[in-house]
Amino acid sequence: MNDYEKKLFKIGGGLLGISLFSVLAWNSIHIIETGNVGVKSSVGQIEKTELKPGLNFAIPVIQKIEPVFTKTVMINYSGMTEKDDTEELYSERTLMGEDESGLELGIDLLVEVNPVMSQMADMYIDVGRQGFDKKVLQPIRGVSRKVLGQFKAELIMSQRKEVEAMLGKELERQFQENPYFELVNVQLKKIYLPSKVKSAIERVALAKQDAKAKQEQIIANENLAKSKVALAKGEAQAIEANANGVAKAMIAKANAKAKVIKLESEALAKANNLIAKSLTPALIQQNTVDAWKIGGAKVPNFVGGGGSQFIFDLNNLDKLK
């Protein structure tokens, strides 16, 4: 190798060293984003202090930094799990369990937890990289089975509030003993029943609906009957009132007629009385003469009276005055 080749070799070696150093320097830089902390390990041993968000350094190959999400995490338990998991949302299948008699039940939950930022390194030391599964998902499954075992399948739908309250209480107790995650919220979304229990409940519900409909019909019929009775009473009262009115009118008319008759009788009696008082002997004689004259008969000269009565010359009454 001549001097020129040696010189080129030295230059190449220098460039290679610079390149290697650049690569190592670049790989030693780690940026931790906001909402995360870094867990650093050196030769496989985890350091107890979490790295804050921002620029951090680790020696390549020897040291390693893993970001850990520290914002609120939502676990959605549902029969539909097509969505991919993200740092903020985990999609899990329906939680299954058995009621107190051994019948299979299922529930869908929505659970929210907060990672404790200052405990992430300790969690890695304690349970490794499966800390979320062991400290969050497993306790939720265990609590769900425990709570479902305290209810009867045929009654659990009517005890939904009690189920949700008990789930919240048991999960809160579990997370109080968990230094790595805090429980934020628990929401019961749905309860799944065994098919035979569901069918039985549906039959009972239909029977209740039918009974309710019949009861409502009975009440409607009773109300109709009451309305008819009230209508009949009203009509009877109207007829009675009308009859009373007619009867009163007839009585009033009869009373008025009686009064008229009475007045006429009294007037006639007064007239007769006046006539009787006015019938003097002379007037009677005059009326007798007038009667003879009206009849066209010849008036007799004398009319004899009985007893000691006087005898008058009917044709010469004026002379006798």
Protein backbone atom coordinates (compact mmCIF):
# COMPACT_ATOMS: atom_id res chain seq x y z
CA MET A 1 0.00 0.00 0.00
CA ASN A 2 1.56 3.27 -1.08
CA ASP A 3 1.37 6.56 0.76
CA TYR A 4 -1.63 7.72 -1.26
CA GLU A 5 -3.63 4.63 -0.42
CA LYS A 6 -2.68 4.92 3.25
CA LYS A 7 -3.85 8.51 3.24
CA LEU A 8 -7.17 7.56 1.63
CA PHE A 9 -7.61 4.75 4.18
CA LYS A 10 -7.08 7.16 7.06
CA ILE A 11 -9.54 9.61 5.58
CA GLY A 12 -12.13 6.84 5.05
CA GLY A 13 -11.61 5.56 8.54
CA GLY A 14 -12.11 9.03 9.91
CA LEU A 15 -15.27 9.51 7.92
CA LEU A 16 -16.56 6.15 9.04
CA GLY A 17 -15.86 7.03 12.63
CA ILE A 18 -17.66 10.32 12.23
CA SER A 19 -20.60 8.55 10.60
CA LEU A 20 -20.78 5.96 13.36
CA PHE A 21 -20.57 8.66 15.99
CA SER A 22 -23.33 10.62 14.23
CA VAL A 23 -25.54 7.54 14.09
CA LEU A 24 -24.90 6.77 17.76
CA ALA A 25 -25.51 10.37 18.73
CA TRP A 26 -28.74 10.49 16.75
CA ASN A 27 -30.01 7.23 18.21
CA SER A 28 -29.28 8.46 21.70
CA ILE A 29 -31.83 11.25 21.36
CA HIS A 30 -35.40 10.48 22.55
CA ILE A 31 -38.30 12.93 22.51
CA ILE A 32 -41.11 12.21 24.97
CA GLU A 33 -44.37 13.86 23.98
CA THR A 34 -46.74 15.67 26.33
CA GLY A 35 -49.11 13.26 28.07
CA ASN A 36 -46.40 10.63 28.44
CA VAL A 37 -43.52 9.86 30.76
CA GLY A 38 -40.42 7.87 29.95
CA VAL A 39 -39.35 4.67 31.66
CA LYS A 40 -35.60 4.19 31.23
CA SER A 41 -33.73 0.93 31.56
CA SER A 42 -29.95 0.42 31.60
CA VAL A 43 -28.74 -3.04 30.60
CA GLY A 44 -32.26 -4.34 31.30
CA GLN A 45 -32.53 -2.74 34.76
CA ILE A 46 -35.33 -0.19 35.09
CA GLU A 47 -34.55 3.13 36.71
CA LYS A 48 -37.05 4.28 39.37
CA THR A 49 -37.28 7.87 38.18
CA GLU A 50 -39.63 8.64 35.32
CA LEU A 51 -38.41 10.88 32.51
CA LYS A 52 -40.43 14.03 31.88
CA PRO A 53 -41.83 15.04 28.48
CA GLY A 54 -39.29 16.70 26.20
CA LEU A 55 -35.75 15.88 24.98
CA ASN A 56 -34.03 12.93 26.71
CA PHE A 57 -30.89 10.89 26.03
CA ALA A 58 -30.03 7.20 26.25
CA ILE A 59 -26.87 5.36 25.25
CA PRO A 60 -27.70 3.19 22.26
CA VAL A 61 -27.74 -0.57 22.86
CA ILE A 62 -26.97 -0.09 26.56
CA GLN A 63 -29.94 2.07 27.55
CA LYS A 64 -33.59 2.13 26.40
CA ILE A 65 -36.43 4.59 26.93
CA GLU A 66 -40.08 3.54 26.66
CA PRO A 67 -42.85 6.16 26.59
CA VAL A 68 -45.84 5.46 28.85
CA PHE A 69 -49.22 7.16 28.23
CA THR A 70 -50.45 9.02 31.33
CA LYS A 71 -53.74 10.64 30.22
CA THR A 72 -57.21 9.23 30.99
CA VAL A 73 -57.72 5.82 29.41
CA MET A 74 -61.19 4.59 28.48
CA ILE A 75 -61.96 0.86 28.32
CA ASN A 76 -65.08 0.11 26.31
CA TYR A 77 -66.52 -3.37 26.93
CA SER A 78 -68.93 -4.21 24.13
CA GLY A 79 -70.14 -7.02 21.90
CA MET A 80 -68.67 -5.07 18.97
CA THR A 81 -64.85 -4.91 18.99
CA GLU A 82 -63.98 -3.96 15.42
CA LYS A 83 -62.24 -0.71 16.43
CA ASP A 84 -58.48 -0.81 16.89
CA ASP A 85 -57.07 0.09 20.28
CA THR A 86 -55.44 3.48 20.80
CA GLU A 87 -53.59 4.96 23.74
CA GLU A 88 -56.80 6.61 24.91
CA LEU A 89 -59.33 3.89 24.06
CA TYR A 90 -59.28 0.13 24.57
CA SER A 91 -62.01 -1.98 23.00
CA GLU A 92 -62.77 -5.18 24.91
CA ARG A 93 -65.41 -7.89 24.54
CA THR A 94 -68.49 -8.17 26.71
CA LEU A 95 -67.71 -9.19 30.29
CA MET A 96 -69.16 -12.60 31.09
CA GLY A 97 -70.15 -14.17 34.40
CA GLU A 98 -72.74 -16.36 36.11
CA ASP A 99 -75.68 -15.50 38.32
CA GLU A 100 -76.13 -17.06 41.77
CA SER A 101 -77.72 -20.17 40.22
CA GLY A 102 -75.05 -20.65 37.54
CA LEU A 103 -76.85 -19.10 34.56
CA GLU A 104 -74.56 -17.21 32.22
CA LEU A 105 -74.84 -13.43 32.15
CA GLY A 106 -73.03 -10.67 30.29
CA ILE A 107 -72.53 -6.94 30.77
CA ASP A 108 -71.13 -4.09 28.73
CA LEU A 109 -69.23 -1.47 30.69
CA LEU A 110 -67.47 1.81 30.10
CA VAL A 111 -64.58 2.26 32.56
CA GLU A 112 -62.24 5.26 32.76
CA VAL A 113 -58.91 5.21 34.63
CA ASN A 114 -56.03 7.63 35.12
CA PRO A 115 -52.43 6.31 35.22
CA VAL A 116 -50.48 7.69 38.20
CA MET A 117 -47.61 9.46 36.45
CA SER A 118 -45.13 9.13 39.31
CA GLN A 119 -45.69 5.35 39.62
CA MET A 120 -45.13 4.16 36.06
CA ALA A 121 -41.49 3.17 36.59
CA ASP A 122 -42.45 1.29 39.77
CA MET A 123 -45.21 -0.50 37.86
CA TYR A 124 -42.66 -1.65 35.26
CA ILE A 125 -40.42 -2.90 38.06
CA ASP A 126 -43.35 -4.57 39.86
CA VAL A 127 -45.33 -6.22 37.04
CA GLY A 128 -43.36 -5.55 33.85
CA ARG A 129 -44.73 -4.28 30.58
CA GLN A 130 -48.12 -5.98 31.11
CA GLY A 131 -49.00 -3.57 33.91
CA PHE A 132 -52.18 -2.26 32.25
CA ASP A 133 -53.57 -5.73 31.66
CA LYS A 134 -52.68 -6.97 35.14
CA LYS A 135 -53.60 -3.86 37.11
CA VAL A 136 -56.65 -2.66 35.14
CA LEU A 137 -58.22 -5.23 32.82
CA GLN A 138 -57.91 -8.26 35.10
CA PRO A 139 -59.41 -6.53 38.18
CA ILE A 140 -62.38 -5.32 36.10
CA ARG A 141 -63.06 -8.85 34.86
CA GLY A 142 -62.81 -10.24 38.41
CA VAL A 143 -65.14 -7.64 39.90
CA SER A 144 -67.71 -8.16 37.13
CA ARG A 145 -67.87 -11.92 37.78
CA LYS A 146 -68.15 -11.33 41.53
CA VAL A 147 -70.99 -8.81 41.20
CA LEU A 148 -72.99 -10.87 38.68
CA GLY A 149 -72.82 -13.85 41.03
CA GLN A 150 -74.87 -11.92 43.61
CA PHE A 151 -77.96 -11.49 41.45
CA LYS A 152 -80.63 -13.70 39.90
CA ALA A 153 -80.87 -13.69 36.12
CA GLU A 154 -84.66 -13.34 36.11
CA LEU A 155 -84.51 -10.27 38.39
CA ILE A 156 -81.32 -8.53 37.31
CA MET A 157 -82.98 -6.36 34.65
CA SER A 158 -85.17 -4.75 37.29
CA GLN A 159 -82.11 -4.27 39.53
CA ARG A 160 -79.96 -2.42 37.00
CA LYS A 161 -79.23 0.51 39.33
CA GLU A 162 -78.18 -1.84 42.12
CA VAL A 163 -75.85 -3.72 39.73
CA GLU A 164 -74.21 -0.50 38.55
CA ALA A 165 -73.83 0.80 42.11
CA MET A 166 -72.25 -2.45 43.29
CA LEU A 167 -69.85 -2.52 40.32
CA GLY A 168 -68.75 1.02 41.09
CA LYS A 169 -68.27 0.25 44.78
CA GLU A 170 -66.26 -2.95 44.20
CA LEU A 171 -64.08 -1.39 41.50
CA GLU A 172 -63.41 1.63 43.70
CA ARG A 173 -62.28 -0.68 46.48
CA GLN A 174 -59.99 -2.55 44.06
CA PHE A 175 -58.37 0.62 42.72
CA GLN A 176 -57.84 2.01 46.20
CA GLU A 177 -55.37 -0.85 46.62
CA ASN A 178 -53.87 -0.14 43.19
CA PRO A 179 -51.02 2.46 43.37
CA TYR A 180 -50.63 2.66 39.58
CA PHE A 181 -54.12 3.63 38.34
CA GLU A 182 -56.98 5.73 39.67
CA LEU A 183 -60.62 4.93 38.89
CA VAL A 184 -62.44 7.86 37.25
CA ASN A 185 -65.82 6.54 36.12
CA VAL A 186 -67.87 3.34 35.73
CA GLN A 187 -70.96 3.14 33.54
CA LEU A 188 -73.15 0.07 32.99
CA LYS A 189 -74.31 0.11 29.36
CA LYS A 190 -76.09 -3.20 28.82
CA ILE A 191 -77.00 -6.50 30.49
CA TYR A 192 -77.20 -9.74 28.50
CA LEU A 193 -79.54 -12.52 29.71
CA PRO A 194 -79.63 -16.25 28.93
CA SER A 195 -81.99 -16.96 26.03
CA LYS A 196 -84.44 -19.01 28.11
CA VAL A 197 -84.57 -16.36 30.83
CA LYS A 198 -85.03 -13.64 28.23
CA SER A 199 -87.89 -15.59 26.62
CA ALA A 200 -89.56 -16.14 29.98
CA ILE A 201 -89.26 -12.44 30.85
CA GLU A 202 -90.73 -11.49 27.48
CA ARG A 203 -93.68 -13.83 28.04
CA VAL A 204 -94.29 -12.36 31.48
CA ALA A 205 -94.05 -8.85 30.05
CA LEU A 206 -96.57 -9.71 27.33
CA ALA A 207 -98.89 -11.24 29.90
CA LYS A 208 -98.63 -8.12 32.04
CA GLN A 209 -99.34 -5.92 29.03
CA ASP A 210 -102.39 -8.03 28.16
CA ALA A 211 -103.64 -7.91 31.75
CA LYS A 212 -103.09 -4.17 31.84
CA ALA A 213 -104.98 -3.73 28.57
CA LYS A 214 -107.89 -5.79 29.92
CA GLN A 215 -107.88 -3.84 33.18
CA GLU A 216 -107.93 -0.59 31.23
CA GLN A 217 -110.85 -1.93 29.16
CA ILE A 218 -112.72 -2.86 32.36
CA ILE A 219 -112.16 0.63 33.72
CA ALA A 220 -113.28 2.13 30.41
CA ASN A 221 -116.45 -0.01 30.49
CA GLU A 222 -117.13 1.01 34.09
CA ASN A 223 -116.68 4.65 33.19
CA LEU A 224 -119.01 4.21 30.20
CA ALA A 225 -121.62 2.55 32.41
CA LYS A 226 -121.29 5.37 34.95
CA SER A 227 -121.69 7.95 32.21
CA LYS A 228 -124.80 6.16 30.92
CA VAL A 229 -126.28 6.04 34.44
CA ALA A 230 -125.49 9.71 34.90
CA LEU A 231 -127.07 10.50 31.52
CA ALA A 232 -130.19 8.46 32.41
CA LYS A 233 -130.44 10.24 35.76
CA GLY A 234 -130.08 13.55 34.01
CA GLU A 235 -132.80 12.66 31.52
CA ALA A 236 -135.08 11.41 34.32
CA GLN A 237 -134.49 14.61 36.28
CA ALA A 238 -135.22 16.64 33.15
CA ILE A 239 -138.45 14.70 32.54
CA GLU A 240 -139.43 15.07 36.19
CA ALA A 241 -138.67 18.77 36.09
CA ASN A 242 -140.66 19.13 32.89
CA ALA A 243 -143.59 17.16 34.38
CA ASN A 244 -143.44 19.27 37.51
CA GLY A 245 -143.47 22.36 35.35
CA VAL A 246 -146.48 21.14 33.34
CA ALA A 247 -148.29 20.09 36.51
CA LYS A 248 -147.62 23.46 38.12
CA ALA A 249 -148.82 25.20 34.98
CA MET A 250 -152.02 23.13 34.95
CA ILE A 251 -152.58 23.77 38.66
CA ALA A 252 -151.99 27.47 38.12
CA LYS A 253 -154.42 27.44 35.17
CA ALA A 254 -157.04 25.55 37.23
CA ASN A 255 -156.57 27.94 40.16
CA ALA A 256 -156.96 30.88 37.82
CA LYS A 257 -160.11 29.36 36.29
CA ALA A 258 -161.52 28.66 39.76
CA LYS A 259 -160.85 32.23 40.76
CA VAL A 260 -162.64 33.43 37.62
CA ILE A 261 -165.61 31.16 38.33
CA LYS A 262 -165.66 32.32 41.92
CA LEU A 263 -165.58 35.94 40.86
CA GLU A 264 -168.34 35.33 38.31
CA SER A 265 -170.44 33.53 40.95
CA GLU A 266 -169.93 36.33 43.41
CA ALA A 267 -170.82 38.89 40.74
CA LEU A 268 -173.95 36.93 39.76
CA ALA A 269 -174.99 36.58 43.36
CA LYS A 270 -174.58 40.29 43.88
CA ALA A 271 -176.60 40.93 40.74
CA ASN A 272 -179.37 38.56 41.86
CA ASN A 273 -179.38 40.19 45.22
CA LEU A 274 -179.75 43.58 43.67
CA ILE A 275 -182.52 42.27 41.43
CA ALA A 276 -184.28 40.68 44.36
CA LYS A 277 -184.13 43.93 46.29
CA SER A 278 -185.46 45.83 43.31
CA LEU A 279 -188.58 43.60 42.83
CA THR A 280 -191.25 45.87 44.46
CA PRO A 281 -195.00 45.04 44.04
CA ALA A 282 -195.46 47.89 41.60
CA LEU A 283 -192.51 46.72 39.53
CA ILE A 284 -193.88 43.20 39.51
CA GLN A 285 -197.28 44.46 38.34
CA GLN A 286 -195.67 46.59 35.66
CA ASN A 287 -193.64 43.63 34.43
CA THR A 288 -196.84 41.54 34.36
CA VAL A 289 -198.59 44.08 32.19
CA ASP A 290 -195.56 44.32 29.94
CA ALA A 291 -195.61 40.56 29.60
CA TRP A 292 -199.28 40.59 28.56
CA LYS A 293 -198.58 43.31 26.04
CA ILE A 294 -195.53 41.64 24.58
CA GLY A 295 -197.50 38.47 24.05
CA GLY A 296 -200.21 40.37 22.12
CA ALA A 297 -202.94 39.32 24.48
CA LYS A 298 -205.75 41.57 25.65
CA VAL A 299 -204.94 42.91 29.02
CA PRO A 300 -207.75 42.11 31.47
CA ASN A 301 -209.38 45.04 33.20
CA PHE A 302 -209.01 43.62 36.66
CA VAL A 303 -206.84 41.12 38.34
CA GLY A 304 -207.98 39.69 41.59
CA GLY A 305 -205.58 39.13 44.43
CA GLY A 306 -205.87 36.44 47.02
CA GLY A 307 -206.86 37.10 50.60
CA SER A 308 -206.97 40.71 51.44
CA GLN A 309 -205.10 41.80 48.29
CA PHE A 310 -206.44 44.77 46.33
CA ILE A 311 -208.03 44.46 42.93
CA PHE A 312 -206.50 46.72 40.26
CA ASP A 313 -207.73 47.89 36.94
CA LEU A 314 -204.83 46.90 34.78
CA ASN A 315 -205.91 49.22 31.99
CA ASN A 316 -206.17 52.20 34.27
CA LEU A 317 -203.07 51.79 36.48
CA ASP A 318 -202.28 55.42 36.09
CA LYS A 319 -205.53 56.33 37.68
CA LEU A 320 -204.77 54.28 40.69
CA LYS A 321 -201.50 56.04 41.41
